[in-house]
């Protein structure tokens, strides 16, 4: 709905159009994460983020001493990947604790 609104309301020359599109992507990511919890097989963040391959395929060595463009945001990557899972886990914990206390 956000994407449709962006294309319907704003032309491609407006900043609002382009700011709404990443917002729509974030909403889509949150929806798919929540949808995965509703299934019997939720997403596995360890395998889907490539964390295991960092240790088995020389992930750290490929980043050190290189002139790679992605090195600037590398410290933020764990926060961006793990933060939604921590927030969701905290929310589930609080809901379960509240339900138990009743």
C-alpha atoms as a PDB file:
ATOM      1  CA  UNK A   1       0.000   0.000   0.000  1.00  0.00           C
ATOM      2  CA  UNK A   2       2.862   2.372   0.756  1.00  0.00           C
ATOM      3  CA  UNK A   3       4.455   1.741  -2.629  1.00  0.00           C
ATOM      4  CA  UNK A   4       1.157   2.283  -4.443  1.00  0.00           C
ATOM      5  CA  UNK A   5       0.585   5.503  -2.523  1.00  0.00           C
ATOM      6  CA  UNK A   6       4.096   6.687  -3.363  1.00  0.00           C
ATOM      7  CA  UNK A   7       3.629   6.096  -7.084  1.00  0.00           C
ATOM      8  CA  UNK A   8       0.082   7.444  -7.149  1.00  0.00           C
ATOM      9  CA  UNK A   9       0.636  10.591  -5.085  1.00  0.00           C
ATOM     10  CA  UNK A  10       4.210  11.718  -5.847  1.00  0.00           C
ATOM     11  CA  UNK A  11       6.168  11.942  -9.090  1.00  0.00           C
ATOM     12  CA  UNK A  12       9.588  10.306  -9.329  1.00  0.00           C
ATOM     13  CA  UNK A  13      11.220  13.721  -9.119  1.00  0.00           C
ATOM     14  CA  UNK A  14      10.002  14.287  -5.550  1.00  0.00           C
ATOM     15  CA  UNK A  15      11.989  13.239  -2.495  1.00  0.00           C
ATOM     16  CA  UNK A  16       8.840  11.999  -0.770  1.00  0.00           C
ATOM     17  CA  UNK A  17       8.419   9.365  -3.486  1.00  0.00           C
ATOM     18  CA  UNK A  18      11.902   7.983  -2.919  1.00  0.00           C
ATOM     19  CA  UNK A  19      11.698   8.170   0.880  1.00  0.00           C
ATOM     20  CA  UNK A  20       8.477   6.193   0.948  1.00  0.00           C
ATOM     21  CA  UNK A  21       9.932   3.321  -1.080  1.00  0.00           C
ATOM     22  CA  UNK A  22      12.599   2.288   1.489  1.00  0.00           C
ATOM     23  CA  UNK A  23       9.981   2.706   4.210  1.00  0.00           C
ATOM     24  CA  UNK A  24       7.779   0.274   2.300  1.00  0.00           C
ATOM     25  CA  UNK A  25      10.695  -2.165   2.088  1.00  0.00           C
ATOM     26  CA  UNK A  26      11.184  -2.008   5.866  1.00  0.00           C
ATOM     27  CA  UNK A  27       7.484  -2.624   6.456  1.00  0.00           C
ATOM     28  CA  UNK A  28       7.670  -5.598   4.079  1.00  0.00           C
ATOM     29  CA  UNK A  29      10.671  -7.008   5.962  1.00  0.00           C
ATOM     30  CA  UNK A  30       8.899  -6.710   9.310  1.00  0.00           C
ATOM     31  CA  UNK A  31       5.752  -8.301   7.886  1.00  0.00           C
ATOM     32  CA  UNK A  32       7.683 -11.262   6.499  1.00  0.00           C
ATOM     33  CA  UNK A  33       9.473 -11.766   9.822  1.00  0.00           C
ATOM     34  CA  UNK A  34       6.195 -11.708  11.721  1.00  0.00           C
ATOM     35  CA  UNK A  35       4.642 -14.018   9.127  1.00  0.00           C
ATOM     36  CA  UNK A  36       7.518 -16.487   9.594  1.00  0.00           C
ATOM     37  CA  UNK A  37       6.759 -16.686  13.315  1.00  0.00           C
ATOM     38  CA  UNK A  38       3.173 -17.659  12.490  1.00  0.00           C
ATOM     39  CA  UNK A  39       4.331 -20.723  10.548  1.00  0.00           C
ATOM     40  CA  UNK A  40       5.596 -23.997  11.963  1.00  0.00           C
ATOM     41  CA  UNK A  41       9.056 -23.294  10.525  1.00  0.00           C
ATOM     42  CA  UNK A  42      10.162 -19.743  11.439  1.00  0.00           C
ATOM     43  CA  UNK A  43      13.207 -18.128   9.834  1.00  0.00           C
ATOM     44  CA  UNK A  44      16.599 -19.144  11.149  1.00  0.00           C
ATOM     45  CA  UNK A  45      18.647 -15.948  11.472  1.00  0.00           C
ATOM     46  CA  UNK A  46      21.958 -17.794  11.888  1.00  0.00           C
ATOM     47  CA  UNK A  47      21.787 -19.600   8.563  1.00  0.00           C
ATOM     48  CA  UNK A  48      19.923 -16.969   6.554  1.00  0.00           C
ATOM     49  CA  UNK A  49      22.301 -14.127   7.389  1.00  0.00           C
ATOM     50  CA  UNK A  50      25.384 -16.083   6.368  1.00  0.00           C
ATOM     51  CA  UNK A  51      26.920 -16.063   9.831  1.00  0.00           C
ATOM     52  CA  UNK A  52      28.104 -19.649   9.592  1.00  0.00           C
ATOM     53  CA  UNK A  53      29.843 -19.002   6.271  1.00  0.00           C
ATOM     54  CA  UNK A  54      31.813 -16.185   7.910  1.00  0.00           C
ATOM     55  CA  UNK A  55      33.683 -18.827   9.883  1.00  0.00           C
ATOM     56  CA  UNK A  56      33.828 -21.595   7.279  1.00  0.00           C
ATOM     57  CA  UNK A  57      34.706 -19.553   4.172  1.00  0.00           C
ATOM     58  CA  UNK A  58      37.268 -17.031   5.468  1.00  0.00           C
ATOM     59  CA  UNK A  59      34.831 -14.168   5.961  1.00  0.00           C
ATOM     60  CA  UNK A  60      36.989 -12.041   8.229  1.00  0.00           C
ATOM     61  CA  UNK A  61      40.176 -12.492   6.208  1.00  0.00           C
ATOM     62  CA  UNK A  62      38.424 -11.351   3.035  1.00  0.00           C
ATOM     63  CA  UNK A  63      37.577  -8.015   4.687  1.00  0.00           C
ATOM     64  CA  UNK A  64      40.835  -7.036   6.343  1.00  0.00           C
ATOM     65  CA  UNK A  65      43.420  -5.155   4.333  1.00  0.00           C
ATOM     66  CA  UNK A  66      41.038  -4.624   1.425  1.00  0.00           C
ATOM     67  CA  UNK A  67      39.681  -1.455  -0.139  1.00  0.00           C
ATOM     68  CA  UNK A  68      36.093  -2.576  -0.066  1.00  0.00           C
ATOM     69  CA  UNK A  69      33.180  -0.167  -0.108  1.00  0.00           C
ATOM     70  CA  UNK A  70      31.182  -2.156   2.446  1.00  0.00           C
ATOM     71  CA  UNK A  71      33.791  -1.778   5.201  1.00  0.00           C
ATOM     72  CA  UNK A  72      32.321   1.579   6.255  1.00  0.00           C
ATOM     73  CA  UNK A  73      29.010   0.084   7.370  1.00  0.00           C
ATOM     74  CA  UNK A  74      30.373  -3.245   8.565  1.00  0.00           C
ATOM     75  CA  UNK A  75      30.180  -2.370  12.300  1.00  0.00           C
ATOM     76  CA  UNK A  76      26.453  -1.629  11.889  1.00  0.00           C
ATOM     77  CA  UNK A  77      25.610  -4.902  10.164  1.00  0.00           C
ATOM     78  CA  UNK A  78      25.237  -6.987  13.359  1.00  0.00           C
ATOM     79  CA  UNK A  79      23.002  -4.328  14.874  1.00  0.00           C
ATOM     80  CA  UNK A  80      20.783  -4.153  11.793  1.00  0.00           C
ATOM     81  CA  UNK A  81      20.518  -7.923  11.515  1.00  0.00           C
ATOM     82  CA  UNK A  82      20.188  -8.851  15.190  1.00  0.00           C
ATOM     83  CA  UNK A  83      18.173  -5.902  16.533  1.00  0.00           C
ATOM     84  CA  UNK A  84      14.809  -6.937  15.013  1.00  0.00           C
ATOM     85  CA  UNK A  85      15.212 -10.445  16.423  1.00  0.00           C
ATOM     86  CA  UNK A  86      16.053  -9.098  19.881  1.00  0.00           C
ATOM     87  CA  UNK A  87      13.070  -6.749  19.815  1.00  0.00           C
ATOM     88  CA  UNK A  88      10.746  -9.565  18.711  1.00  0.00           C
ATOM     89  CA  UNK A  89      12.155 -11.914  21.351  1.00  0.00           C
ATOM     90  CA  UNK A  90      11.750  -9.247  24.031  1.00  0.00           C
ATOM     91  CA  UNK A  91       8.154  -8.624  22.979  1.00  0.00           C
ATOM     92  CA  UNK A  92       7.359 -12.343  23.107  1.00  0.00           C
ATOM     93  CA  UNK A  93       9.024 -12.618  26.512  1.00  0.00           C
ATOM     94  CA  UNK A  94       6.980  -9.711  27.889  1.00  0.00           C
ATOM     95  CA  UNK A  95       3.743 -11.111  26.457  1.00  0.00           C
ATOM     96  CA  UNK A  96       4.374 -14.562  27.896  1.00  0.00           C
ATOM     97  CA  UNK A  97       5.338 -13.107  31.274  1.00  0.00           C
ATOM     98  CA  UNK A  98       2.193 -10.979  31.315  1.00  0.00           C
ATOM     99  CA  UNK A  99       0.048 -13.986  30.368  1.00  0.00           C
ATOM    100  CA  UNK A 100       1.596 -16.120  33.121  1.00  0.00           C
ATOM    101  CA  UNK A 101       0.999 -13.474  35.781  1.00  0.00           C
ATOM    102  CA  UNK A 102      -2.709 -13.339  35.027  1.00  0.00           C
END
